[in-house]
Amino acid sequence: MPFVDVTLIEGRSPDKLRALMHALHEAVVSTIDADPVGVRVVIREVPATHWSANDQTIAERRAAGT
């Protein structure tokens, strides 16, 4: 049973998230001939204050305009 786990910074609409889940499901099914019933997709949304790169949170980067 394929399991796709995606982590994103929060803020996308439910429609965008649903479209992503659909596209990932279809990609797994068509790429590895997986049984569609067994494909699982999970999206985890993380606040911009809880995600950092190079010791700067995404929220800090956004506030600085970089």
N, C-alpha and C. Protein backbone atom coordinates (compact mmCIF):
# COMPACT_ATOMS: atom_id res chain seq x y z
N MET A 1 0.84 -1.17 0.00
CA MET A 1 0.00 0.00 0.00
C MET A 1 0.89 1.24 0.00
N PRO A 2 0.93 2.00 -1.09
CA PRO A 2 1.72 3.23 -1.14
C PRO A 2 1.16 4.30 -0.20
N PHE A 3 2.08 4.99 0.48
CA PHE A 3 1.72 6.05 1.41
C PHE A 3 2.54 7.28 1.05
N VAL A 4 1.86 8.36 0.68
CA VAL A 4 2.51 9.61 0.31
C VAL A 4 2.27 10.61 1.44
N ASP A 5 3.35 11.15 1.99
CA ASP A 5 3.28 12.08 3.11
C ASP A 5 3.89 13.41 2.66
N VAL A 6 3.07 14.46 2.63
CA VAL A 6 3.51 15.77 2.15
C VAL A 6 3.42 16.77 3.31
N THR A 7 4.47 17.55 3.49
CA THR A 7 4.45 18.60 4.50
C THR A 7 4.59 19.94 3.78
N LEU A 8 3.65 20.85 4.08
CA LEU A 8 3.61 22.17 3.45
C LEU A 8 3.45 23.24 4.51
N ILE A 9 3.85 24.44 4.18
CA ILE A 9 3.54 25.58 5.03
C ILE A 9 2.05 25.88 4.84
N GLU A 10 1.37 26.10 5.94
CA GLU A 10 -0.08 26.30 5.86
C GLU A 10 -0.43 27.55 5.06
N GLY A 11 -1.67 27.57 4.57
CA GLY A 11 -2.15 28.76 3.89
C GLY A 11 -2.82 28.51 2.55
N ARG A 12 -2.79 27.28 2.07
CA ARG A 12 -3.44 26.99 0.80
C ARG A 12 -4.91 26.67 1.02
N SER A 13 -5.70 26.92 0.01
CA SER A 13 -7.14 26.68 0.13
C SER A 13 -7.43 25.18 0.15
N PRO A 14 -8.58 24.79 0.72
CA PRO A 14 -8.96 23.39 0.67
C PRO A 14 -9.04 22.84 -0.76
N ASP A 15 -9.46 23.67 -1.69
CA ASP A 15 -9.52 23.23 -3.09
C ASP A 15 -8.13 22.91 -3.64
N LYS A 16 -7.14 23.73 -3.31
CA LYS A 16 -5.76 23.48 -3.76
C LYS A 16 -5.22 22.19 -3.14
N LEU A 17 -5.49 22.00 -1.85
CA LEU A 17 -5.02 20.80 -1.17
C LEU A 17 -5.69 19.56 -1.76
N ARG A 18 -6.96 19.65 -2.04
CA ARG A 18 -7.68 18.52 -2.63
C ARG A 18 -7.13 18.20 -4.01
N ALA A 19 -6.84 19.23 -4.80
CA ALA A 19 -6.26 19.02 -6.13
C ALA A 19 -4.89 18.34 -6.04
N LEU A 20 -4.10 18.73 -5.05
CA LEU A 20 -2.80 18.10 -4.84
C LEU A 20 -2.97 16.63 -4.48
N MET A 21 -3.89 16.33 -3.56
CA MET A 21 -4.13 14.93 -3.19
C MET A 21 -4.55 14.11 -4.40
N HIS A 22 -5.41 14.66 -5.22
CA HIS A 22 -5.86 13.95 -6.42
C HIS A 22 -4.69 13.70 -7.37
N ALA A 23 -3.89 14.74 -7.61
CA ALA A 23 -2.77 14.60 -8.54
C ALA A 23 -1.74 13.58 -8.04
N LEU A 24 -1.47 13.59 -6.75
CA LEU A 24 -0.54 12.61 -6.19
C LEU A 24 -1.09 11.20 -6.29
N HIS A 25 -2.37 11.05 -5.99
CA HIS A 25 -3.02 9.73 -6.11
C HIS A 25 -2.89 9.21 -7.53
N GLU A 26 -3.24 10.04 -8.49
CA GLU A 26 -3.16 9.64 -9.89
C GLU A 26 -1.73 9.32 -10.31
N ALA A 27 -0.76 10.09 -9.85
CA ALA A 27 0.64 9.85 -10.19
C ALA A 27 1.12 8.51 -9.66
N VAL A 28 0.76 8.19 -8.43
CA VAL A 28 1.16 6.90 -7.85
C VAL A 28 0.52 5.75 -8.61
N VAL A 29 -0.76 5.86 -8.88
CA VAL A 29 -1.47 4.80 -9.59
C VAL A 29 -0.87 4.57 -10.98
N SER A 30 -0.65 5.65 -11.72
CA SER A 30 -0.17 5.50 -13.10
C SER A 30 1.31 5.16 -13.18
N THR A 31 2.10 5.61 -12.23
CA THR A 31 3.55 5.41 -12.30
C THR A 31 3.97 4.02 -11.87
N ILE A 32 3.35 3.51 -10.80
CA ILE A 32 3.79 2.19 -10.31
C ILE A 32 2.69 1.14 -10.41
N ASP A 33 1.64 1.45 -11.17
CA ASP A 33 0.52 0.51 -11.33
C ASP A 33 -0.06 0.06 -10.00
N ALA A 34 -0.18 0.99 -9.07
CA ALA A 34 -0.73 0.67 -7.75
C ALA A 34 -2.24 0.52 -7.83
N ASP A 35 -2.77 -0.31 -6.98
CA ASP A 35 -4.22 -0.45 -6.83
C ASP A 35 -4.74 0.86 -6.24
N PRO A 36 -5.63 1.56 -6.92
CA PRO A 36 -6.11 2.86 -6.44
C PRO A 36 -6.70 2.80 -5.02
N VAL A 37 -7.30 1.68 -4.67
CA VAL A 37 -7.92 1.54 -3.36
C VAL A 37 -6.89 1.58 -2.23
N GLY A 38 -5.65 1.18 -2.53
CA GLY A 38 -4.62 1.10 -1.51
C GLY A 38 -3.76 2.33 -1.35
N VAL A 39 -3.94 3.33 -2.20
CA VAL A 39 -3.09 4.53 -2.15
C VAL A 39 -3.58 5.46 -1.04
N ARG A 40 -2.64 5.89 -0.21
CA ARG A 40 -2.94 6.82 0.88
C ARG A 40 -2.13 8.10 0.68
N VAL A 41 -2.77 9.25 0.86
CA VAL A 41 -2.09 10.54 0.76
C VAL A 41 -2.44 11.34 2.01
N VAL A 42 -1.41 11.86 2.68
CA VAL A 42 -1.60 12.69 3.86
C VAL A 42 -0.89 14.02 3.63
N ILE A 43 -1.58 15.10 3.92
CA ILE A 43 -0.97 16.42 3.85
C ILE A 43 -0.91 16.99 5.26
N ARG A 44 0.28 17.39 5.65
CA ARG A 44 0.48 18.02 6.96
C ARG A 44 0.80 19.49 6.70
N GLU A 45 0.09 20.36 7.38
CA GLU A 45 0.33 21.79 7.24
C GLU A 45 1.03 22.31 8.50
N VAL A 46 2.08 23.06 8.29
CA VAL A 46 2.92 23.58 9.37
C VAL A 46 2.85 25.11 9.34
N PRO A 47 2.69 25.75 10.49
CA PRO A 47 2.72 27.22 10.51
C PRO A 47 4.08 27.75 10.03
N ALA A 48 4.07 28.89 9.40
CA ALA A 48 5.31 29.49 8.89
C ALA A 48 6.30 29.80 10.01
N THR A 49 5.80 29.93 11.24
CA THR A 49 6.68 30.18 12.38
C THR A 49 7.37 28.91 12.87
N HIS A 50 6.95 27.76 12.37
CA HIS A 50 7.50 26.47 12.81
C HIS A 50 8.37 25.82 11.74
N TRP A 51 8.76 26.54 10.72
CA TRP A 51 9.55 26.00 9.61
C TRP A 51 10.70 26.96 9.37
N SER A 52 11.92 26.44 9.45
CA SER A 52 13.06 27.33 9.21
C SER A 52 14.03 26.74 8.20
N ALA A 53 14.78 27.62 7.60
CA ALA A 53 15.87 27.27 6.70
C ALA A 53 16.98 28.29 6.95
N ASN A 54 18.18 27.82 7.09
CA ASN A 54 19.32 28.68 7.36
C ASN A 54 19.07 29.57 8.59
N ASP A 55 18.49 28.95 9.63
CA ASP A 55 18.23 29.59 10.92
C ASP A 55 17.31 30.81 10.83
N GLN A 56 16.39 30.77 9.88
CA GLN A 56 15.40 31.85 9.75
C GLN A 56 14.06 31.20 9.42
N THR A 57 13.02 31.54 10.19
CA THR A 57 11.72 30.96 9.90
C THR A 57 11.15 31.55 8.61
N ILE A 58 10.23 30.84 8.04
CA ILE A 58 9.57 31.34 6.83
C ILE A 58 8.83 32.64 7.16
N ALA A 59 8.23 32.71 8.34
CA ALA A 59 7.55 33.94 8.75
C ALA A 59 8.52 35.11 8.82
N GLU A 60 9.71 34.87 9.35
CA GLU A 60 10.73 35.93 9.41
C GLU A 60 11.18 36.34 8.01
N ARG A 61 11.34 35.36 7.13
CA ARG A 61 11.73 35.68 5.75
C ARG A 61 10.67 36.52 5.06
N ARG A 62 9.42 36.14 5.26
CA ARG A 62 8.32 36.88 4.64
C ARG A 62 8.28 38.32 5.18
N ALA A 63 8.44 38.46 6.48
CA ALA A 63 8.41 39.80 7.09
C ALA A 63 9.55 40.67 6.59
N ALA A 64 10.69 40.04 6.30
CA ALA A 64 11.85 40.79 5.81
C ALA A 64 11.77 41.02 4.31
N GLY A 65 10.81 40.38 3.65
CA GLY A 65 10.65 40.55 2.21
C GLY A 65 11.68 39.80 1.38
N THR A 66 12.25 38.74 1.95
CA THR A 66 13.24 37.94 1.20
C THR A 66 12.70 36.61 0.79
